[in-house]
């Protein structure tokens, strides 16, 4: 894996059925090298009746796309909150009143 992809990164699918589509990463499974994308790779699983699920029925789950088939378009913004910025925000709010 050449890129270090993270949750909330915007990526483009470069291979497979969904080639060319852009989506946001919802979940990453680093052990298996898969990423779940928002709105892509949704599959319905049929659930058997059981004690925990007495009605049975269908359940929609994400099927992961291999990380090698993704290209980073836009990285998620990471803003680190510091004490200085928090104090400046509080002063600005007091001054605005």
PDB file of N, CA and C in Angstrom:
ATOM      1  N   UNK A   1       0.845  -1.176   0.000  1.00  0.00           N
ATOM      2  CA  UNK A   1       0.000   0.000   0.000  1.00  0.00           C
ATOM      3  C   UNK A   1       0.889   1.237   0.000  1.00  0.00           C
ATOM      4  N   UNK A   2       0.850   1.983  -1.059  1.00  0.00           N
ATOM      5  CA  UNK A   2       1.705   3.148  -1.199  1.00  0.00           C
ATOM      6  C   UNK A   2       1.149   4.350  -0.430  1.00  0.00           C
ATOM      7  N   UNK A   3      -0.187   4.449  -0.345  1.00  0.00           N
ATOM      8  CA  UNK A   3      -0.802   5.597   0.304  1.00  0.00           C
ATOM      9  C   UNK A   3      -1.254   5.231   1.711  1.00  0.00           C
ATOM     10  N   UNK A   4      -1.282   6.210   2.561  1.00  0.00           N
ATOM     11  CA  UNK A   4      -1.787   5.996   3.907  1.00  0.00           C
ATOM     12  C   UNK A   4      -3.174   6.624   3.981  1.00  0.00           C
ATOM     13  N   UNK A   5      -4.182   5.874   3.597  1.00  0.00           N
ATOM     14  CA  UNK A   5      -5.549   6.369   3.572  1.00  0.00           C
ATOM     15  C   UNK A   5      -6.152   6.317   4.956  1.00  0.00           C
ATOM     16  N   UNK A   6      -7.037   7.277   5.241  1.00  0.00           N
ATOM     17  CA  UNK A   6      -7.682   7.370   6.551  1.00  0.00           C
ATOM     18  C   UNK A   6      -9.190   7.522   6.365  1.00  0.00           C
ATOM     19  N   UNK A   7      -9.925   7.363   7.438  1.00  0.00           N
ATOM     20  CA  UNK A   7     -11.370   7.556   7.421  1.00  0.00           C
ATOM     21  C   UNK A   7     -11.661   9.018   7.082  1.00  0.00           C
ATOM     22  N   UNK A   8     -12.709   9.249   6.316  1.00  0.00           N
ATOM     23  CA  UNK A   8     -13.181  10.556   5.839  1.00  0.00           C
ATOM     24  C   UNK A   8     -12.347  11.129   4.697  1.00  0.00           C
ATOM     25  N   UNK A   9     -11.352  10.397   4.194  1.00  0.00           N
ATOM     26  CA  UNK A   9     -10.641  10.823   2.988  1.00  0.00           C
ATOM     27  C   UNK A   9     -11.547  10.620   1.783  1.00  0.00           C
ATOM     28  N   UNK A  10     -11.439  11.508   0.807  1.00  0.00           N
ATOM     29  CA  UNK A  10     -12.198  11.355  -0.431  1.00  0.00           C
ATOM     30  C   UNK A  10     -11.297  10.644  -1.427  1.00  0.00           C
ATOM     31  N   UNK A  11     -11.790   9.529  -1.984  1.00  0.00           N
ATOM     32  CA  UNK A  11     -10.987   8.717  -2.896  1.00  0.00           C
ATOM     33  C   UNK A  11     -11.736   8.462  -4.196  1.00  0.00           C
ATOM     34  N   UNK A  12     -10.981   8.072  -5.228  1.00  0.00           N
ATOM     35  CA  UNK A  12     -11.550   7.699  -6.522  1.00  0.00           C
ATOM     36  C   UNK A  12     -11.217   6.233  -6.763  1.00  0.00           C
ATOM     37  N   UNK A  13     -12.202   5.468  -7.227  1.00  0.00           N
ATOM     38  CA  UNK A  13     -11.987   4.065  -7.554  1.00  0.00           C
ATOM     39  C   UNK A  13     -11.340   4.013  -8.934  1.00  0.00           C
ATOM     40  N   UNK A  14     -10.195   3.332  -9.032  1.00  0.00           N
ATOM     41  CA  UNK A  14      -9.447   3.313 -10.295  1.00  0.00           C
ATOM     42  C   UNK A  14      -9.537   1.969 -11.012  1.00  0.00           C
ATOM     43  N   UNK A  15     -10.192   0.972 -10.413  1.00  0.00           N
ATOM     44  CA  UNK A  15     -10.331  -0.329 -11.062  1.00  0.00           C
ATOM     45  C   UNK A  15     -11.585  -1.015 -10.544  1.00  0.00           C
ATOM     46  N   UNK A  16     -12.195  -1.843 -11.388  1.00  0.00           N
ATOM     47  CA  UNK A  16     -13.361  -2.604 -10.984  1.00  0.00           C
ATOM     48  C   UNK A  16     -14.646  -2.055 -11.568  1.00  0.00           C
ATOM     49  N   UNK A  17     -15.773  -2.561 -11.060  1.00  0.00           N
ATOM     50  CA  UNK A  17     -17.083  -2.177 -11.574  1.00  0.00           C
ATOM     51  C   UNK A  17     -17.407  -0.702 -11.340  1.00  0.00           C
ATOM     52  N   UNK A  18     -16.915  -0.144 -10.254  1.00  0.00           N
ATOM     53  CA  UNK A  18     -17.222   1.243  -9.902  1.00  0.00           C
ATOM     54  C   UNK A  18     -16.114   2.208 -10.314  1.00  0.00           C
ATOM     55  N   UNK A  19     -15.363   1.867 -11.358  1.00  0.00           N
ATOM     56  CA  UNK A  19     -14.239   2.680 -11.811  1.00  0.00           C
ATOM     57  C   UNK A  19     -14.684   4.108 -12.141  1.00  0.00           C
ATOM     58  N   UNK A  20     -13.933   5.078 -11.598  1.00  0.00           N
ATOM     59  CA  UNK A  20     -14.204   6.480 -11.877  1.00  0.00           C
ATOM     60  C   UNK A  20     -15.081   7.172 -10.852  1.00  0.00           C
ATOM     61  N   UNK A  21     -15.712   6.429  -9.973  1.00  0.00           N
ATOM     62  CA  UNK A  21     -16.586   7.057  -8.972  1.00  0.00           C
ATOM     63  C   UNK A  21     -15.762   7.546  -7.784  1.00  0.00           C
ATOM     64  N   UNK A  22     -16.224   8.635  -7.191  1.00  0.00           N
ATOM     65  CA  UNK A  22     -15.575   9.199  -6.016  1.00  0.00           C
ATOM     66  C   UNK A  22     -16.478   9.026  -4.815  1.00  0.00           C
ATOM     67  N   UNK A  23     -15.875   8.731  -3.665  1.00  0.00           N
ATOM     68  CA  UNK A  23     -16.644   8.527  -2.439  1.00  0.00           C
ATOM     69  C   UNK A  23     -15.744   8.766  -1.235  1.00  0.00           C
ATOM     70  N   UNK A  24     -16.378   8.834  -0.072  1.00  0.00           N
ATOM     71  CA  UNK A  24     -15.688   9.052   1.188  1.00  0.00           C
ATOM     72  C   UNK A  24     -15.490   7.705   1.886  1.00  0.00           C
ATOM     73  N   UNK A  25     -14.352   7.512   2.531  1.00  0.00           N
ATOM     74  CA  UNK A  25     -14.072   6.267   3.251  1.00  0.00           C
ATOM     75  C   UNK A  25     -14.828   6.266   4.571  1.00  0.00           C
ATOM     76  N   UNK A  26     -15.574   5.177   4.810  1.00  0.00           N
ATOM     77  CA  UNK A  26     -16.350   5.023   6.038  1.00  0.00           C
ATOM     78  C   UNK A  26     -15.596   4.174   7.053  1.00  0.00           C
ATOM     79  N   UNK A  27     -14.963   3.091   6.571  1.00  0.00           N
ATOM     80  CA  UNK A  27     -14.275   2.161   7.460  1.00  0.00           C
ATOM     81  C   UNK A  27     -13.097   1.550   6.713  1.00  0.00           C
ATOM     82  N   UNK A  28     -12.006   1.250   7.429  1.00  0.00           N
ATOM     83  CA  UNK A  28     -10.833   0.633   6.827  1.00  0.00           C
ATOM     84  C   UNK A  28     -10.473  -0.628   7.603  1.00  0.00           C
ATOM     85  N   UNK A  29     -10.222  -1.708   6.870  1.00  0.00           N
ATOM     86  CA  UNK A  29      -9.758  -2.965   7.456  1.00  0.00           C
ATOM     87  C   UNK A  29      -8.323  -3.170   6.977  1.00  0.00           C
ATOM     88  N   UNK A  30      -7.361  -2.749   7.775  1.00  0.00           N
ATOM     89  CA  UNK A  30      -5.964  -2.793   7.369  1.00  0.00           C
ATOM     90  C   UNK A  30      -5.434  -4.225   7.287  1.00  0.00           C
ATOM     91  N   UNK A  31      -5.962  -5.117   8.102  1.00  0.00           N
ATOM     92  CA  UNK A  31      -5.497  -6.506   8.098  1.00  0.00           C
ATOM     93  C   UNK A  31      -5.772  -7.167   6.741  1.00  0.00           C
ATOM     94  N   UNK A  32      -6.962  -6.950   6.201  1.00  0.00           N
ATOM     95  CA  UNK A  32      -7.335  -7.538   4.915  1.00  0.00           C
ATOM     96  C   UNK A  32      -7.077  -6.599   3.739  1.00  0.00           C
ATOM     97  N   UNK A  33      -6.686  -5.354   4.001  1.00  0.00           N
ATOM     98  CA  UNK A  33      -6.388  -4.407   2.932  1.00  0.00           C
ATOM     99  C   UNK A  33      -7.626  -3.937   2.188  1.00  0.00           C
ATOM    100  N   UNK A  34      -8.727  -3.720   2.912  1.00  0.00           N
ATOM    101  CA  UNK A  34      -9.988  -3.311   2.295  1.00  0.00           C
ATOM    102  C   UNK A  34     -10.467  -2.001   2.919  1.00  0.00           C
ATOM    103  N   UNK A  35     -11.251  -1.251   2.128  1.00  0.00           N
ATOM    104  CA  UNK A  35     -11.871  -0.017   2.605  1.00  0.00           C
ATOM    105  C   UNK A  35     -13.340  -0.029   2.209  1.00  0.00           C
ATOM    106  N   UNK A  36     -14.204   0.399   3.122  1.00  0.00           N
ATOM    107  CA  UNK A  36     -15.634   0.512   2.846  1.00  0.00           C
ATOM    108  C   UNK A  36     -15.915   1.962   2.470  1.00  0.00           C
ATOM    109  N   UNK A  37     -16.551   2.148   1.314  1.00  0.00           N
ATOM    110  CA  UNK A  37     -16.842   3.485   0.813  1.00  0.00           C
ATOM    111  C   UNK A  37     -18.323   3.799   0.945  1.00  0.00           C
ATOM    112  N   UNK A  38     -18.616   5.076   1.136  1.00  0.00           N
ATOM    113  CA  UNK A  38     -19.988   5.534   1.317  1.00  0.00           C
ATOM    114  C   UNK A  38     -20.784   5.372   0.022  1.00  0.00           C
ATOM    115  N   UNK A  39     -21.804   4.523   0.054  1.00  0.00           N
ATOM    116  CA  UNK A  39     -22.679   4.333  -1.089  1.00  0.00           C
ATOM    117  C   UNK A  39     -22.167   3.379  -2.159  1.00  0.00           C
ATOM    118  N   UNK A  40     -20.961   2.839  -2.002  1.00  0.00           N
ATOM    119  CA  UNK A  40     -20.398   1.911  -2.977  1.00  0.00           C
ATOM    120  C   UNK A  40     -20.132   0.583  -2.283  1.00  0.00           C
ATOM    121  N   UNK A  41     -20.469  -0.497  -2.947  1.00  0.00           N
ATOM    122  CA  UNK A  41     -20.214  -1.825  -2.397  1.00  0.00           C
ATOM    123  C   UNK A  41     -21.243  -2.253  -1.374  1.00  0.00           C
ATOM    124  N   UNK A  42     -22.477  -1.787  -1.516  1.00  0.00           N
ATOM    125  CA  UNK A  42     -23.548  -2.179  -0.602  1.00  0.00           C
ATOM    126  C   UNK A  42     -24.186  -3.471  -1.117  1.00  0.00           C
ATOM    127  N   UNK A  43     -24.326  -4.474  -0.242  1.00  0.00           N
ATOM    128  CA  UNK A  43     -24.867  -5.770  -0.611  1.00  0.00           C
ATOM    129  C   UNK A  43     -25.881  -6.185   0.446  1.00  0.00           C
ATOM    130  N   UNK A  44     -26.955  -6.856   0.018  1.00  0.00           N
ATOM    131  CA  UNK A  44     -27.940  -7.365   0.964  1.00  0.00           C
ATOM    132  C   UNK A  44     -27.620  -8.812   1.313  1.00  0.00           C
ATOM    133  N   UNK A  45     -27.595  -9.119   2.603  1.00  0.00           N
ATOM    134  CA  UNK A  45     -27.396 -10.480   3.087  1.00  0.00           C
ATOM    135  C   UNK A  45     -28.724 -10.970   3.652  1.00  0.00           C
ATOM    136  N   UNK A  46     -29.054 -12.197   3.366  1.00  0.00           N
ATOM    137  CA  UNK A  46     -30.276 -12.790   3.896  1.00  0.00           C
ATOM    138  C   UNK A  46     -29.960 -13.412   5.248  1.00  0.00           C
ATOM    139  N   UNK A  47     -30.702 -12.993   6.258  1.00  0.00           N
ATOM    140  CA  UNK A  47     -30.465 -13.447   7.620  1.00  0.00           C
ATOM    141  C   UNK A  47     -31.452 -14.562   7.978  1.00  0.00           C
ATOM    142  N   UNK A  48     -30.934 -15.598   8.573  1.00  0.00           N
ATOM    143  CA  UNK A  48     -31.735 -16.732   9.006  1.00  0.00           C
ATOM    144  C   UNK A  48     -32.457 -16.366  10.303  1.00  0.00           C
ATOM    145  N   UNK A  49     -33.626 -16.930  10.535  1.00  0.00           N
ATOM    146  CA  UNK A  49     -34.320 -16.700  11.796  1.00  0.00           C
ATOM    147  C   UNK A  49     -33.495 -17.293  12.926  1.00  0.00           C
ATOM    148  N   UNK A  50     -33.383 -16.540  14.012  1.00  0.00           N
ATOM    149  CA  UNK A  50     -32.631 -17.019  15.172  1.00  0.00           C
ATOM    150  C   UNK A  50     -33.240 -16.425  16.431  1.00  0.00           C
ATOM    151  N   UNK A  51     -32.688 -16.776  17.549  1.00  0.00           N
ATOM    152  CA  UNK A  51     -33.172 -16.253  18.823  1.00  0.00           C
ATOM    153  C   UNK A  51     -32.979 -14.737  18.888  1.00  0.00           C
ATOM    154  N   UNK A  52     -31.835 -14.254  18.421  1.00  0.00           N
ATOM    155  CA  UNK A  52     -31.549 -12.817  18.450  1.00  0.00           C
ATOM    156  C   UNK A  52     -32.262 -12.051  17.342  1.00  0.00           C
ATOM    157  N   UNK A  53     -32.582 -12.736  16.245  1.00  0.00           N
ATOM    158  CA  UNK A  53     -33.257 -12.117  15.114  1.00  0.00           C
ATOM    159  C   UNK A  53     -34.465 -12.985  14.734  1.00  0.00           C
ATOM    160  N   UNK A  54     -35.572 -12.899  15.503  1.00  0.00           N
ATOM    161  CA  UNK A  54     -36.700 -13.806  15.281  1.00  0.00           C
ATOM    162  C   UNK A  54     -37.413 -13.610  13.945  1.00  0.00           C
ATOM    163  N   UNK A  55     -37.337 -12.433  13.355  1.00  0.00           N
ATOM    164  CA  UNK A  55     -38.030 -12.191  12.095  1.00  0.00           C
ATOM    165  C   UNK A  55     -37.207 -12.639  10.892  1.00  0.00           C
ATOM    166  N   UNK A  56     -35.894 -12.717  11.047  1.00  0.00           N
ATOM    167  CA  UNK A  56     -35.039 -13.015   9.894  1.00  0.00           C
ATOM    168  C   UNK A  56     -35.014 -11.818   8.971  1.00  0.00           C
ATOM    169  N   UNK A  57     -34.926 -12.033   7.658  1.00  0.00           N
ATOM    170  CA  UNK A  57     -35.014 -10.939   6.696  1.00  0.00           C
ATOM    171  C   UNK A  57     -33.696 -10.600   6.054  1.00  0.00           C
ATOM    172  N   UNK A  58     -33.598  -9.352   5.560  1.00  0.00           N
ATOM    173  CA  UNK A  58     -32.421  -8.894   4.835  1.00  0.00           C
ATOM    174  C   UNK A  58     -31.678  -7.848   5.650  1.00  0.00           C
ATOM    175  N   UNK A  59     -30.373  -7.817   5.454  1.00  0.00           N
ATOM    176  CA  UNK A  59     -29.523  -6.851   6.132  1.00  0.00           C
ATOM    177  C   UNK A  59     -28.559  -6.284   5.099  1.00  0.00           C
ATOM    178  N   UNK A  60     -28.440  -4.964   5.019  1.00  0.00           N
ATOM    179  CA  UNK A  60     -27.535  -4.320   4.071  1.00  0.00           C
ATOM    180  C   UNK A  60     -26.173  -4.134   4.740  1.00  0.00           C
ATOM    181  N   UNK A  61     -25.110  -4.616   4.073  1.00  0.00           N
ATOM    182  CA  UNK A  61     -23.762  -4.488   4.616  1.00  0.00           C
ATOM    183  C   UNK A  61     -22.833  -3.913   3.552  1.00  0.00           C
ATOM    184  N   UNK A  62     -21.666  -3.416   4.011  1.00  0.00           N
ATOM    185  CA  UNK A  62     -20.623  -2.920   3.109  1.00  0.00           C
ATOM    186  C   UNK A  62     -19.721  -4.074   2.710  1.00  0.00           C
ATOM    187  N   UNK A  63     -19.347  -4.116   1.449  1.00  0.00           N
ATOM    188  CA  UNK A  63     -18.329  -5.040   0.975  1.00  0.00           C
ATOM    189  C   UNK A  63     -17.117  -4.189   0.643  1.00  0.00           C
ATOM    190  N   UNK A  64     -15.988  -4.537   1.219  1.00  0.00           N
ATOM    191  CA  UNK A  64     -14.793  -3.718   1.059  1.00  0.00           C
ATOM    192  C   UNK A  64     -14.207  -3.744  -0.337  1.00  0.00           C
ATOM    193  N   UNK A  65     -13.589  -2.620  -0.716  1.00  0.00           N
ATOM    194  CA  UNK A  65     -12.856  -2.495  -1.969  1.00  0.00           C
ATOM    195  C   UNK A  65     -11.377  -2.494  -1.626  1.00  0.00           C
ATOM    196  N   UNK A  66     -10.579  -3.218  -2.401  1.00  0.00           N
ATOM    197  CA  UNK A  66      -9.155  -3.334  -2.125  1.00  0.00           C
ATOM    198  C   UNK A  66      -8.481  -1.963  -2.152  1.00  0.00           C
ATOM    199  N   UNK A  67      -7.574  -1.727  -1.207  1.00  0.00           N
ATOM    200  CA  UNK A  67      -6.917  -0.426  -1.109  1.00  0.00           C
ATOM    201  C   UNK A  67      -6.081  -0.094  -2.343  1.00  0.00           C
ATOM    202  N   UNK A  68      -5.622  -1.125  -3.059  1.00  0.00           N
ATOM    203  CA  UNK A  68      -4.825  -0.870  -4.256  1.00  0.00           C
ATOM    204  C   UNK A  68      -5.680  -0.326  -5.397  1.00  0.00           C
ATOM    205  N   UNK A  69      -7.001  -0.430  -5.287  1.00  0.00           N
ATOM    206  CA  UNK A  69      -7.907   0.069  -6.318  1.00  0.00           C
ATOM    207  C   UNK A  69      -8.419   1.473  -6.008  1.00  0.00           C
ATOM    208  N   UNK A  70      -7.836   2.137  -5.025  1.00  0.00           N
ATOM    209  CA  UNK A  70      -8.277   3.472  -4.627  1.00  0.00           C
ATOM    210  C   UNK A  70      -7.160   4.484  -4.825  1.00  0.00           C
ATOM    211  N   UNK A  71      -7.557   5.702  -5.199  1.00  0.00           N
ATOM    212  CA  UNK A  71      -6.611   6.797  -5.374  1.00  0.00           C
ATOM    213  C   UNK A  71      -7.105   7.980  -4.554  1.00  0.00           C
ATOM    214  N   UNK A  72      -6.238   8.570  -3.771  1.00  0.00           N
ATOM    215  CA  UNK A  72      -6.596   9.696  -2.919  1.00  0.00           C
ATOM    216  C   UNK A  72      -6.892  10.926  -3.762  1.00  0.00           C
ATOM    217  N   UNK A  73      -8.064  11.536  -3.521  1.00  0.00           N
ATOM    218  CA  UNK A  73      -8.449  12.763  -4.217  1.00  0.00           C
ATOM    219  C   UNK A  73      -8.281  13.951  -3.288  1.00  0.00           C
ATOM    220  N   UNK A  74      -8.808  13.805  -2.083  1.00  0.00           N
ATOM    221  CA  UNK A  74      -8.749  14.900  -1.113  1.00  0.00           C
ATOM    222  C   UNK A  74      -8.605  14.307   0.276  1.00  0.00           C
ATOM    223  N   UNK A  75      -7.587  14.731   1.014  1.00  0.00           N
ATOM    224  CA  UNK A  75      -7.349  14.218   2.354  1.00  0.00           C
ATOM    225  C   UNK A  75      -8.311  14.871   3.340  1.00  0.00           C
ATOM    226  N   UNK A  76      -8.663  14.134   4.375  1.00  0.00           N
ATOM    227  CA  UNK A  76      -9.533  14.674   5.420  1.00  0.00           C
ATOM    228  C   UNK A  76      -8.776  15.746   6.186  1.00  0.00           C
ATOM    229  N   UNK A  77      -9.481  16.805   6.540  1.00  0.00           N
ATOM    230  CA  UNK A  77      -8.845  17.900   7.266  1.00  0.00           C
ATOM    231  C   UNK A  77      -8.726  17.522   8.737  1.00  0.00           C
ATOM    232  N   UNK A  78      -7.543  17.725   9.267  1.00  0.00           N
ATOM    233  CA  UNK A  78      -7.277  17.424  10.667  1.00  0.00           C
ATOM    234  C   UNK A  78      -6.927  18.716  11.356  1.00  0.00           C
ATOM    235  N   UNK A  79      -7.746  19.103  12.314  1.00  0.00           N
ATOM    236  CA  UNK A  79      -7.499  20.330  13.056  1.00  0.00           C
ATOM    237  C   UNK A  79      -7.248  19.972  14.507  1.00  0.00           C
ATOM    238  N   UNK A  80      -6.075  20.275  14.957  1.00  0.00           N
ATOM    239  CA  UNK A  80      -5.710  19.986  16.331  1.00  0.00           C
ATOM    240  C   UNK A  80      -6.109  21.163  17.202  1.00  0.00           C
ATOM    241  N   UNK A  81      -6.907  20.899  18.205  1.00  0.00           N
ATOM    242  CA  UNK A  81      -7.336  21.957  19.117  1.00  0.00           C
ATOM    243  C   UNK A  81      -6.236  22.213  20.138  1.00  0.00           C
ATOM    244  N   UNK A  82      -5.840  23.455  20.250  1.00  0.00           N
ATOM    245  CA  UNK A  82      -4.820  23.820  21.231  1.00  0.00           C
ATOM    246  C   UNK A  82      -5.429  24.754  22.249  1.00  0.00           C
ATOM    247  N   UNK A  83      -4.754  24.899  23.350  1.00  0.00           N
ATOM    248  CA  UNK A  83      -5.253  25.765  24.416  1.00  0.00           C
ATOM    249  C   UNK A  83      -5.275  27.224  23.965  1.00  0.00           C
ATOM    250  N   UNK A  84      -4.314  27.627  23.156  1.00  0.00           N
ATOM    251  CA  UNK A  84      -4.255  29.016  22.698  1.00  0.00           C
ATOM    252  C   UNK A  84      -5.462  29.359  21.833  1.00  0.00           C
ATOM    253  N   UNK A  85      -5.835  28.465  20.922  1.00  0.00           N
ATOM    254  CA  UNK A  85      -6.972  28.755  20.053  1.00  0.00           C
ATOM    255  C   UNK A  85      -8.279  28.718  20.833  1.00  0.00           C
ATOM    256  N   UNK A  86      -8.377  27.836  21.832  1.00  0.00           N
ATOM    257  CA  UNK A  86      -9.586  27.780  22.654  1.00  0.00           C
ATOM    258  C   UNK A  86      -9.750  29.068  23.462  1.00  0.00           C
ATOM    259  N   UNK A  87      -8.643  29.583  24.009  1.00  0.00           N
ATOM    260  CA  UNK A  87      -8.708  30.827  24.776  1.00  0.00           C
ATOM    261  C   UNK A  87      -9.069  31.998  23.871  1.00  0.00           C
ATOM    262  N   UNK A  88      -8.517  32.030  22.669  1.00  0.00           N
ATOM    263  CA  UNK A  88      -8.807  33.109  21.722  1.00  0.00           C
ATOM    264  C   UNK A  88     -10.278  33.069  21.307  1.00  0.00           C
ATOM    265  N   UNK A  89     -10.834  31.876  21.136  1.00  0.00           N
ATOM    266  CA  UNK A  89     -12.258  31.743  20.794  1.00  0.00           C
ATOM    267  C   UNK A  89     -13.134  32.250  21.920  1.00  0.00           C
ATOM    268  N   UNK A  90     -12.786  31.932  23.157  1.00  0.00           N
ATOM    269  CA  UNK A  90     -13.576  32.385  24.305  1.00  0.00           C
ATOM    270  C   UNK A  90     -13.543  33.907  24.430  1.00  0.00           C
ATOM    271  N   UNK A  91     -12.358  34.503  24.208  1.00  0.00           N
ATOM    272  CA  UNK A  91     -12.243  35.960  24.271  1.00  0.00           C
ATOM    273  C   UNK A  91     -13.044  36.618  23.160  1.00  0.00           C
ATOM    274  N   UNK A  92     -13.026  36.037  21.978  1.00  0.00           N
ATOM    275  CA  UNK A  92     -13.773  36.605  20.856  1.00  0.00           C
ATOM    276  C   UNK A  92     -15.271  36.544  21.125  1.00  0.00           C
ATOM    277  N   UNK A  93     -15.737  35.469  21.750  1.00  0.00           N
ATOM    278  CA  UNK A  93     -17.170  35.353  22.084  1.00  0.00           C
ATOM    279  C   UNK A  93     -17.577  36.365  23.134  1.00  0.00           C
ATOM    280  N   UNK A  94     -16.720  36.605  24.142  1.00  0.00           N
ATOM    281  CA  UNK A  94     -17.027  37.571  25.189  1.00  0.00           C
ATOM    282  C   UNK A  94     -17.050  38.996  24.626  1.00  0.00           C
ATOM    283  N   UNK A  95     -16.129  39.286  23.717  1.00  0.00           N
ATOM    284  CA  UNK A  95     -16.038  40.608  23.112  1.00  0.00           C
ATOM    285  C   UNK A  95     -17.207  40.892  22.171  1.00  0.00           C
ATOM    286  N   UNK A  96     -17.801  39.866  21.610  1.00  0.00           N
ATOM    287  CA  UNK A  96     -18.898  40.035  20.661  1.00  0.00           C
ATOM    288  C   UNK A  96     -20.213  40.359  21.367  1.00  0.00           C
ATOM    289  N   UNK A  97     -20.320  40.023  22.645  1.00  0.00           N
ATOM    290  CA  UNK A  97     -21.572  40.253  23.387  1.00  0.00           C
ATOM    291  C   UNK A  97     -21.810  41.686  23.705  1.00  0.00           C
TER     292      UNK A  97
END
